[in-house]
C-alpha atoms as a PDB file:
ATOM      1  CA  MET A   1      80.725  62.589 -76.395  1.00  0.00           C
ATOM      2  CA  THR A   2      77.971  60.036 -76.907  1.00  0.00           C
ATOM      3  CA  LYS A   3      74.447  60.900 -78.051  1.00  0.00           C
ATOM      4  CA  THR A   4      73.134  60.938 -74.480  1.00  0.00           C
ATOM      5  CA  GLU A   5      75.707  63.377 -73.103  1.00  0.00           C
ATOM      6  CA  LYS A   6      74.573  67.082 -72.751  1.00  0.00           C
ATOM      7  CA  PRO A   7      76.445  69.211 -75.263  1.00  0.00           C
ATOM      8  CA  ILE A   8      78.419  72.164 -74.139  1.00  0.00           C
ATOM      9  CA  GLU A   9      75.962  74.644 -75.710  1.00  0.00           C
ATOM     10  CA  GLU A  10      73.282  73.284 -73.498  1.00  0.00           C
ATOM     11  CA  ARG A  11      75.452  73.275 -70.433  1.00  0.00           C
ATOM     12  CA  LEU A  12      76.327  76.924 -71.038  1.00  0.00           C
ATOM     13  CA  LYS A  13      72.699  77.935 -71.478  1.00  0.00           C
ATOM     14  CA  GLU A  14      71.566  76.071 -68.285  1.00  0.00           C
ATOM     15  CA  GLY A  15      74.601  77.190 -66.202  1.00  0.00           C
ATOM     16  CA  ILE A  16      73.978  80.892 -67.051  1.00  0.00           C
ATOM     17  CA  SER A  17      70.395  80.603 -66.352  1.00  0.00           C
ATOM     18  CA  LEU A  18      71.123  79.006 -62.792  1.00  0.00           C
ATOM     19  CA  LEU A  19      73.577  81.745 -61.995  1.00  0.00           C
ATOM     20  CA  LYS A  20      71.163  84.450 -63.044  1.00  0.00           C
ATOM     21  CA  GLN A  21      68.437  82.874 -60.928  1.00  0.00           C
ATOM     22  CA  LEU A  22      70.777  82.774 -58.034  1.00  0.00           C
ATOM     23  CA  LEU A  23      71.956  86.467 -58.237  1.00  0.00           C
ATOM     24  CA  ASP A  24      68.147  87.302 -58.309  1.00  0.00           C
ATOM     25  CA  ILE A  25      68.005  86.155 -54.850  1.00  0.00           C
ATOM     26  CA  VAL A  26      71.515  86.805 -53.257  1.00  0.00           C
ATOM     27  CA  LYS A  27      71.894  90.247 -55.319  1.00  0.00           C
ATOM     28  CA  HIS A  28      75.647  90.325 -55.247  1.00  0.00           C
ATOM     29  CA  GLU A  29      78.382  88.187 -56.803  1.00  0.00           C
ATOM     30  CA  GLU A  30      80.532  88.804 -53.439  1.00  0.00           C
ATOM     31  CA  THR A  31      78.070  86.969 -51.468  1.00  0.00           C
ATOM     32  CA  GLU A  32      79.709  84.045 -49.693  1.00  0.00           C
ATOM     33  CA  GLY A  33      78.975  80.898 -51.568  1.00  0.00           C
ATOM     34  CA  TYR A  34      78.223  82.492 -55.006  1.00  0.00           C
ATOM     35  CA  SER A  35      81.935  82.153 -56.225  1.00  0.00           C
ATOM     36  CA  GLU A  36      81.963  78.428 -55.263  1.00  0.00           C
ATOM     37  CA  VAL A  37      78.591  77.944 -57.278  1.00  0.00           C
ATOM     38  CA  LYS A  38      80.145  79.707 -60.120  1.00  0.00           C
ATOM     39  CA  LYS A  39      83.157  77.694 -60.235  1.00  0.00           C
ATOM     40  CA  VAL A  40      81.340  74.461 -59.790  1.00  0.00           C
ATOM     41  CA  ILE A  41      79.176  75.514 -62.708  1.00  0.00           C
ATOM     42  CA  THR A  42      82.056  76.618 -64.696  1.00  0.00           C
ATOM     43  CA  ASP A  43      83.980  73.436 -64.419  1.00  0.00           C
ATOM     44  CA  TRP A  44      80.725  71.572 -65.523  1.00  0.00           C
ATOM     45  CA  ILE A  45      80.297  73.673 -68.476  1.00  0.00           C
ATOM     46  CA  LYS A  46      83.925  73.177 -69.592  1.00  0.00           C
ATOM     47  CA  THR A  47      84.154  69.289 -68.762  1.00  0.00           C
ATOM     48  CA  GLY A  48      80.665  68.101 -68.759  1.00  0.00           C
ATOM     49  CA  THR A  49      81.655  66.017 -65.569  1.00  0.00           C
ATOM     50  CA  PRO A  50      78.358  65.635 -63.622  1.00  0.00           C
ATOM     51  CA  TRP A  51      78.278  67.077 -60.021  1.00  0.00           C
ATOM     52  CA  ASP A  52      75.650  66.887 -57.225  1.00  0.00           C
ATOM     53  CA  GLY A  53      76.216  68.710 -53.988  1.00  0.00           C
ATOM     54  CA  ARG A  54      75.290  71.408 -51.528  1.00  0.00           C
ATOM     55  CA  ILE A  55      77.155  74.851 -51.073  1.00  0.00           C
ATOM     56  CA  GLU A  56      76.280  76.858 -47.988  1.00  0.00           C
ATOM     57  CA  PHE A  57      75.332  80.461 -47.981  1.00  0.00           C
ATOM     58  CA  PRO A  58      75.889  81.373 -44.272  1.00  0.00           C
ATOM     59  CA  TRP A  59      74.674  85.097 -44.430  1.00  0.00           C
ATOM     60  CA  TYR A  60      71.218  83.656 -45.420  1.00  0.00           C
ATOM     61  CA  SER A  61      71.300  80.517 -43.331  1.00  0.00           C
ATOM     62  CA  ARG A  62      70.674  78.577 -46.767  1.00  0.00           C
ATOM     63  CA  VAL A  63      72.242  76.076 -48.789  1.00  0.00           C
ATOM     64  CA  ALA A  64      72.133  75.875 -52.660  1.00  0.00           C
ATOM     65  CA  GLU A  65      71.490  72.191 -53.606  1.00  0.00           C
ATOM     66  CA  ILE A  66      72.782  71.761 -57.192  1.00  0.00           C
ATOM     67  CA  SER A  67      72.556  68.855 -59.560  1.00  0.00           C
ATOM     68  CA  LEU A  68      74.574  69.349 -62.879  1.00  0.00           C
ATOM     69  CA  PRO A  69      73.859  66.205 -64.972  1.00  0.00           C
ATOM     70  CA  ARG A  70      75.971  64.517 -67.709  1.00  0.00           C
ATOM     71  CA  SER A  71      72.748  63.295 -69.571  1.00  0.00           C
ATOM     72  CA  ALA A  72      70.994  65.619 -72.144  1.00  0.00           C
ATOM     73  CA  LYS A  73      67.636  64.145 -70.855  1.00  0.00           C
ATOM     74  CA  LEU A  74      68.098  65.786 -67.466  1.00  0.00           C
ATOM     75  CA  ALA A  75      68.070  69.510 -66.725  1.00  0.00           C
ATOM     76  CA  ALA A  76      70.481  71.168 -64.295  1.00  0.00           C
ATOM     77  CA  THR A  77      68.984  72.306 -61.204  1.00  0.00           C
ATOM     78  CA  LEU A  78      69.674  74.639 -58.237  1.00  0.00           C
ATOM     79  CA  ALA A  79      67.499  74.705 -55.188  1.00  0.00           C
ATOM     80  CA  PHE A  80      68.105  77.572 -52.617  1.00  0.00           C
ATOM     81  CA  LYS A  81      66.810  75.925 -49.301  1.00  0.00           C
ATOM     82  CA  VAL A  82      66.767  76.789 -45.716  1.00  0.00           C
ATOM     83  CA  LYS A  83      69.646  74.961 -43.915  1.00  0.00           C
ATOM     84  CA  LYS A  84      68.310  72.175 -41.751  1.00  0.00           C
ATOM     85  CA  GLY A  85      68.244  73.119 -38.146  1.00  0.00           C
ATOM     86  CA  ASP A  86      68.218  76.887 -38.970  1.00  0.00           C
ATOM     87  CA  SER A  87      64.475  77.422 -39.598  1.00  0.00           C
END
């Protein structure tokens, strides 16, 4: 790990925070899309491999736009947005 890579402790803290925030919105871990988000975040925590992408939540007509960075200078983000064309 280089000095600029985000340490596992920070990835864990950020990953848990993102999942808690998402559960505040979707309310149930069984919600379609949540398990996929959880898997992506879990993989990122374990490996540190960056990931950027979108995961659909059909029930809500929304997508989660996720950015999981390698760099310690960047924060992990998750934005729960209206799916384009479904507004």
